[in-house]
């Protein structure tokens, strides 16, 4: 009797596992078809270039100060040398602080990205979750993510449905 019950449980589990619905989306494709995302990326790129230009200018100024110091160090007293070195070191510290402020882990660029891009990503996630619940999908993979998918059948691609659910037409 135990063998029959065990066999029934195994067969039921296998049948249930095969009855699962799977699909995939391509978030890269979805994002490329959302104008707000493109505008946000352009704005972030422009801001990044602005920050980089400011940092390059500051770095060039530090390099000039160092070269001038090297050229004039023979003529300077020890006290003057120390003062000039301190000024250069202070400027280098300011440069590194500014670099962290702009591009650091929680820097200005990161915060701006969170403000512009994260809401769009959240909308995509919510649309995927809604479509999964409505369609009874057990798993929806992201083709653009780190998962290697050697073959994907286009009939299981829900990317266009996600765009439609979000109000975008491709």
C-alpha atoms as a PDB file:
ATOM      1  CA  UNK A   1       0.000   0.000   0.000  1.00  0.00           C
ATOM      2  CA  UNK A   2       2.833   2.389   0.835  1.00  0.00           C
ATOM      3  CA  UNK A   3       4.359   1.752  -2.589  1.00  0.00           C
ATOM      4  CA  UNK A   4       1.116   2.655  -4.348  1.00  0.00           C
ATOM      5  CA  UNK A   5       0.730   5.876  -2.369  1.00  0.00           C
ATOM      6  CA  UNK A   6       4.387   6.747  -2.956  1.00  0.00           C
ATOM      7  CA  UNK A   7       4.019   6.027  -6.678  1.00  0.00           C
ATOM      8  CA  UNK A   8       0.899   8.204  -6.808  1.00  0.00           C
ATOM      9  CA  UNK A   9       2.688  11.081  -5.046  1.00  0.00           C
ATOM     10  CA  UNK A  10       5.690  10.823  -7.384  1.00  0.00           C
ATOM     11  CA  UNK A  11       3.480  10.727 -10.486  1.00  0.00           C
ATOM     12  CA  UNK A  12       1.437  13.678  -9.223  1.00  0.00           C
ATOM     13  CA  UNK A  13       4.625  15.672  -8.506  1.00  0.00           C
ATOM     14  CA  UNK A  14       6.076  14.933 -11.947  1.00  0.00           C
ATOM     15  CA  UNK A  15       2.789  15.828 -13.655  1.00  0.00           C
ATOM     16  CA  UNK A  16       2.554  19.062 -11.686  1.00  0.00           C
ATOM     17  CA  UNK A  17       6.147  19.972 -12.520  1.00  0.00           C
ATOM     18  CA  UNK A  18       5.504  19.499 -16.230  1.00  0.00           C
ATOM     19  CA  UNK A  19       2.306  21.533 -16.012  1.00  0.00           C
ATOM     20  CA  UNK A  20       4.221  24.633 -14.923  1.00  0.00           C
ATOM     21  CA  UNK A  21       4.174  27.491 -17.409  1.00  0.00           C
ATOM     22  CA  UNK A  22       7.436  29.234 -18.235  1.00  0.00           C
ATOM     23  CA  UNK A  23       8.121  32.308 -20.325  1.00  0.00           C
ATOM     24  CA  UNK A  24      10.795  34.927 -20.805  1.00  0.00           C
ATOM     25  CA  UNK A  25      11.126  38.646 -21.407  1.00  0.00           C
ATOM     26  CA  UNK A  26      13.962  40.734 -22.762  1.00  0.00           C
ATOM     27  CA  UNK A  27      14.268  43.754 -20.465  1.00  0.00           C
ATOM     28  CA  UNK A  28      16.889  45.277 -22.736  1.00  0.00           C
ATOM     29  CA  UNK A  29      14.385  45.233 -25.605  1.00  0.00           C
ATOM     30  CA  UNK A  30      11.653  46.586 -23.335  1.00  0.00           C
ATOM     31  CA  UNK A  31      13.822  49.444 -22.075  1.00  0.00           C
ATOM     32  CA  UNK A  32      14.893  50.312 -25.630  1.00  0.00           C
ATOM     33  CA  UNK A  33      11.221  50.784 -26.505  1.00  0.00           C
ATOM     34  CA  UNK A  34      10.433  53.146 -23.633  1.00  0.00           C
ATOM     35  CA  UNK A  35      11.137  56.780 -24.586  1.00  0.00           C
ATOM     36  CA  UNK A  36      11.367  57.881 -20.934  1.00  0.00           C
ATOM     37  CA  UNK A  37      14.224  55.421 -20.397  1.00  0.00           C
ATOM     38  CA  UNK A  38      16.137  56.759 -23.386  1.00  0.00           C
ATOM     39  CA  UNK A  39      15.647  60.325 -22.130  1.00  0.00           C
ATOM     40  CA  UNK A  40      16.822  59.310 -18.644  1.00  0.00           C
ATOM     41  CA  UNK A  41      19.919  57.608 -20.071  1.00  0.00           C
ATOM     42  CA  UNK A  42      20.731  60.702 -22.152  1.00  0.00           C
ATOM     43  CA  UNK A  43      20.360  62.898 -19.083  1.00  0.00           C
ATOM     44  CA  UNK A  44      22.606  60.593 -17.029  1.00  0.00           C
ATOM     45  CA  UNK A  45      25.222  60.486 -19.798  1.00  0.00           C
ATOM     46  CA  UNK A  46      25.232  64.279 -20.023  1.00  0.00           C
ATOM     47  CA  UNK A  47      25.603  64.614 -16.260  1.00  0.00           C
ATOM     48  CA  UNK A  48      28.406  62.044 -16.233  1.00  0.00           C
ATOM     49  CA  UNK A  49      30.276  63.938 -18.955  1.00  0.00           C
ATOM     50  CA  UNK A  50      29.850  67.189 -17.023  1.00  0.00           C
ATOM     51  CA  UNK A  51      31.226  65.623 -13.838  1.00  0.00           C
ATOM     52  CA  UNK A  52      34.095  64.008 -15.726  1.00  0.00           C
ATOM     53  CA  UNK A  53      35.002  67.302 -17.404  1.00  0.00           C
ATOM     54  CA  UNK A  54      35.065  69.072 -14.036  1.00  0.00           C
ATOM     55  CA  UNK A  55      37.277  66.362 -12.543  1.00  0.00           C
ATOM     56  CA  UNK A  56      39.651  66.419 -15.528  1.00  0.00           C
ATOM     57  CA  UNK A  57      39.997  70.192 -15.189  1.00  0.00           C
ATOM     58  CA  UNK A  58      40.776  69.864 -11.486  1.00  0.00           C
ATOM     59  CA  UNK A  59      43.280  67.074 -12.191  1.00  0.00           C
ATOM     60  CA  UNK A  60      45.042  69.208 -14.805  1.00  0.00           C
ATOM     61  CA  UNK A  61      45.271  72.035 -12.260  1.00  0.00           C
ATOM     62  CA  UNK A  62      46.858  69.671  -9.720  1.00  0.00           C
ATOM     63  CA  UNK A  63      49.330  68.400 -12.326  1.00  0.00           C
ATOM     64  CA  UNK A  64      50.295  71.986 -13.184  1.00  0.00           C
ATOM     65  CA  UNK A  65      50.785  72.812  -9.500  1.00  0.00           C
ATOM     66  CA  UNK A  66      52.996  69.737  -9.088  1.00  0.00           C
ATOM     67  CA  UNK A  67      55.071  70.524 -12.186  1.00  0.00           C
ATOM     68  CA  UNK A  68      55.547  74.127 -11.035  1.00  0.00           C
ATOM     69  CA  UNK A  69      56.589  72.871  -7.623  1.00  0.00           C
ATOM     70  CA  UNK A  70      59.124  70.471  -9.178  1.00  0.00           C
ATOM     71  CA  UNK A  71      60.575  73.236 -11.303  1.00  0.00           C
ATOM     72  CA  UNK A  72      60.805  75.753  -8.441  1.00  0.00           C
ATOM     73  CA  UNK A  73      61.681  73.420  -5.561  1.00  0.00           C
ATOM     74  CA  UNK A  74      65.395  74.128  -5.885  1.00  0.00           C
ATOM     75  CA  UNK A  75      64.772  77.814  -5.239  1.00  0.00           C
ATOM     76  CA  UNK A  76      62.332  77.386  -2.344  1.00  0.00           C
ATOM     77  CA  UNK A  77      63.145  77.273   1.341  1.00  0.00           C
ATOM     78  CA  UNK A  78      62.130  74.189   3.348  1.00  0.00           C
ATOM     79  CA  UNK A  79      59.217  76.081   4.863  1.00  0.00           C
ATOM     80  CA  UNK A  80      57.974  77.194   1.429  1.00  0.00           C
ATOM     81  CA  UNK A  81      58.359  73.651   0.085  1.00  0.00           C
ATOM     82  CA  UNK A  82      56.263  72.259   2.927  1.00  0.00           C
ATOM     83  CA  UNK A  83      53.564  74.881   2.370  1.00  0.00           C
ATOM     84  CA  UNK A  84      53.393  74.167  -1.370  1.00  0.00           C
ATOM     85  CA  UNK A  85      53.312  70.404  -0.736  1.00  0.00           C
ATOM     86  CA  UNK A  86      50.489  70.898   1.733  1.00  0.00           C
ATOM     87  CA  UNK A  87      48.536  72.929  -0.824  1.00  0.00           C
ATOM     88  CA  UNK A  88      49.019  70.194  -3.451  1.00  0.00           C
ATOM     89  CA  UNK A  89      48.061  67.437  -1.006  1.00  0.00           C
ATOM     90  CA  UNK A  90      44.958  69.365   0.061  1.00  0.00           C
ATOM     91  CA  UNK A  91      43.960  69.856  -3.566  1.00  0.00           C
ATOM     92  CA  UNK A  92      44.448  66.122  -4.271  1.00  0.00           C
ATOM     93  CA  UNK A  93      42.215  65.279  -1.297  1.00  0.00           C
ATOM     94  CA  UNK A  94      39.545  67.664  -2.616  1.00  0.00           C
ATOM     95  CA  UNK A  95      39.811  65.963  -6.004  1.00  0.00           C
ATOM     96  CA  UNK A  96      39.304  62.509  -4.494  1.00  0.00           C
ATOM     97  CA  UNK A  97      36.393  63.730  -2.364  1.00  0.00           C
ATOM     98  CA  UNK A  98      34.728  65.273  -5.395  1.00  0.00           C
ATOM     99  CA  UNK A  99      35.292  62.080  -7.366  1.00  0.00           C
ATOM    100  CA  UNK A 100      33.583  60.048  -4.605  1.00  0.00           C
ATOM    101  CA  UNK A 101      30.795  62.626  -4.354  1.00  0.00           C
ATOM    102  CA  UNK A 102      30.013  62.332  -8.053  1.00  0.00           C
ATOM    103  CA  UNK A 103      30.784  58.702  -8.885  1.00  0.00           C
ATOM    104  CA  UNK A 104      30.944  56.949  -5.511  1.00  0.00           C
ATOM    105  CA  UNK A 105      28.750  54.126  -4.291  1.00  0.00           C
ATOM    106  CA  UNK A 106      26.050  56.545  -3.116  1.00  0.00           C
ATOM    107  CA  UNK A 107      27.246  59.477  -5.192  1.00  0.00           C
ATOM    108  CA  UNK A 108      25.278  62.080  -7.077  1.00  0.00           C
ATOM    109  CA  UNK A 109      25.200  60.079 -10.312  1.00  0.00           C
ATOM    110  CA  UNK A 110      23.925  56.976  -8.504  1.00  0.00           C
ATOM    111  CA  UNK A 111      21.197  58.988  -6.761  1.00  0.00           C
ATOM    112  CA  UNK A 112      20.171  60.631 -10.015  1.00  0.00           C
ATOM    113  CA  UNK A 113      20.026  57.209 -11.692  1.00  0.00           C
ATOM    114  CA  UNK A 114      17.864  55.895  -8.864  1.00  0.00           C
ATOM    115  CA  UNK A 115      15.509  58.826  -9.328  1.00  0.00           C
ATOM    116  CA  UNK A 116      15.244  58.517 -13.106  1.00  0.00           C
ATOM    117  CA  UNK A 117      15.654  54.838 -14.002  1.00  0.00           C
ATOM    118  CA  UNK A 118      14.447  52.898 -10.960  1.00  0.00           C
ATOM    119  CA  UNK A 119      10.770  53.951 -11.368  1.00  0.00           C
ATOM    120  CA  UNK A 120      10.835  52.648 -14.946  1.00  0.00           C
ATOM    121  CA  UNK A 121      12.413  49.375 -13.817  1.00  0.00           C
ATOM    122  CA  UNK A 122       9.810  49.083 -11.053  1.00  0.00           C
ATOM    123  CA  UNK A 123       7.022  49.570 -13.620  1.00  0.00           C
ATOM    124  CA  UNK A 124       8.491  46.771 -15.739  1.00  0.00           C
ATOM    125  CA  UNK A 125       8.756  44.484 -12.724  1.00  0.00           C
ATOM    126  CA  UNK A 126       5.139  45.202 -11.732  1.00  0.00           C
ATOM    127  CA  UNK A 127       3.928  44.533 -15.296  1.00  0.00           C
ATOM    128  CA  UNK A 128       5.865  41.242 -15.398  1.00  0.00           C
ATOM    129  CA  UNK A 129       4.486  40.233 -12.021  1.00  0.00           C
ATOM    130  CA  UNK A 130       0.924  41.088 -13.092  1.00  0.00           C
ATOM    131  CA  UNK A 131       1.307  39.183 -16.360  1.00  0.00           C
ATOM    132  CA  UNK A 132       2.739  36.192 -14.490  1.00  0.00           C
ATOM    133  CA  UNK A 133      -0.193  36.167 -12.081  1.00  0.00           C
ATOM    134  CA  UNK A 134      -2.795  36.653 -14.827  1.00  0.00           C
ATOM    135  CA  UNK A 135      -1.218  34.058 -17.131  1.00  0.00           C
ATOM    136  CA  UNK A 136      -0.434  31.513 -14.446  1.00  0.00           C
ATOM    137  CA  UNK A 137       3.299  31.495 -15.175  1.00  0.00           C
ATOM    138  CA  UNK A 138       5.490  29.794 -12.602  1.00  0.00           C
ATOM    139  CA  UNK A 139       8.698  31.423 -13.845  1.00  0.00           C
ATOM    140  CA  UNK A 140       9.498  34.287 -16.201  1.00  0.00           C
ATOM    141  CA  UNK A 141      13.161  34.546 -17.147  1.00  0.00           C
ATOM    142  CA  UNK A 142      14.968  37.666 -18.290  1.00  0.00           C
ATOM    143  CA  UNK A 143      16.764  36.995 -21.550  1.00  0.00           C
ATOM    144  CA  UNK A 144      18.865  40.167 -21.131  1.00  0.00           C
ATOM    145  CA  UNK A 145      20.071  39.138 -17.672  1.00  0.00           C
ATOM    146  CA  UNK A 146      22.996  36.976 -16.727  1.00  0.00           C
ATOM    147  CA  UNK A 147      21.143  33.724 -17.423  1.00  0.00           C
ATOM    148  CA  UNK A 148      22.496  31.944 -20.472  1.00  0.00           C
ATOM    149  CA  UNK A 149      19.700  30.892 -22.762  1.00  0.00           C
ATOM    150  CA  UNK A 150      20.989  28.939 -25.715  1.00  0.00           C
ATOM    151  CA  UNK A 151      17.651  28.824 -27.462  1.00  0.00           C
ATOM    152  CA  UNK A 152      14.414  30.674 -26.900  1.00  0.00           C
ATOM    153  CA  UNK A 153      11.230  30.073 -28.808  1.00  0.00           C
ATOM    154  CA  UNK A 154       9.762  33.470 -29.757  1.00  0.00           C
ATOM    155  CA  UNK A 155       6.225  32.295 -28.958  1.00  0.00           C
ATOM    156  CA  UNK A 156       7.156  32.324 -25.245  1.00  0.00           C
ATOM    157  CA  UNK A 157       8.583  35.872 -25.373  1.00  0.00           C
ATOM    158  CA  UNK A 158       6.294  38.151 -23.387  1.00  0.00           C
ATOM    159  CA  UNK A 159       8.294  41.346 -23.966  1.00  0.00           C
ATOM    160  CA  UNK A 160       5.730  42.920 -26.308  1.00  0.00           C
ATOM    161  CA  UNK A 161       2.921  42.071 -23.893  1.00  0.00           C
ATOM    162  CA  UNK A 162       4.846  43.794 -21.099  1.00  0.00           C
ATOM    163  CA  UNK A 163       5.228  46.925 -23.257  1.00  0.00           C
ATOM    164  CA  UNK A 164       1.497  46.851 -24.048  1.00  0.00           C
ATOM    165  CA  UNK A 165       0.596  46.378 -20.387  1.00  0.00           C
ATOM    166  CA  UNK A 166       2.734  49.427 -19.564  1.00  0.00           C
ATOM    167  CA  UNK A 167       0.974  51.470 -22.282  1.00  0.00           C
ATOM    168  CA  UNK A 168       3.743  51.444 -24.904  1.00  0.00           C
ATOM    169  CA  UNK A 169       3.236  50.225 -28.427  1.00  0.00           C
ATOM    170  CA  UNK A 170       6.133  48.798 -30.362  1.00  0.00           C
END
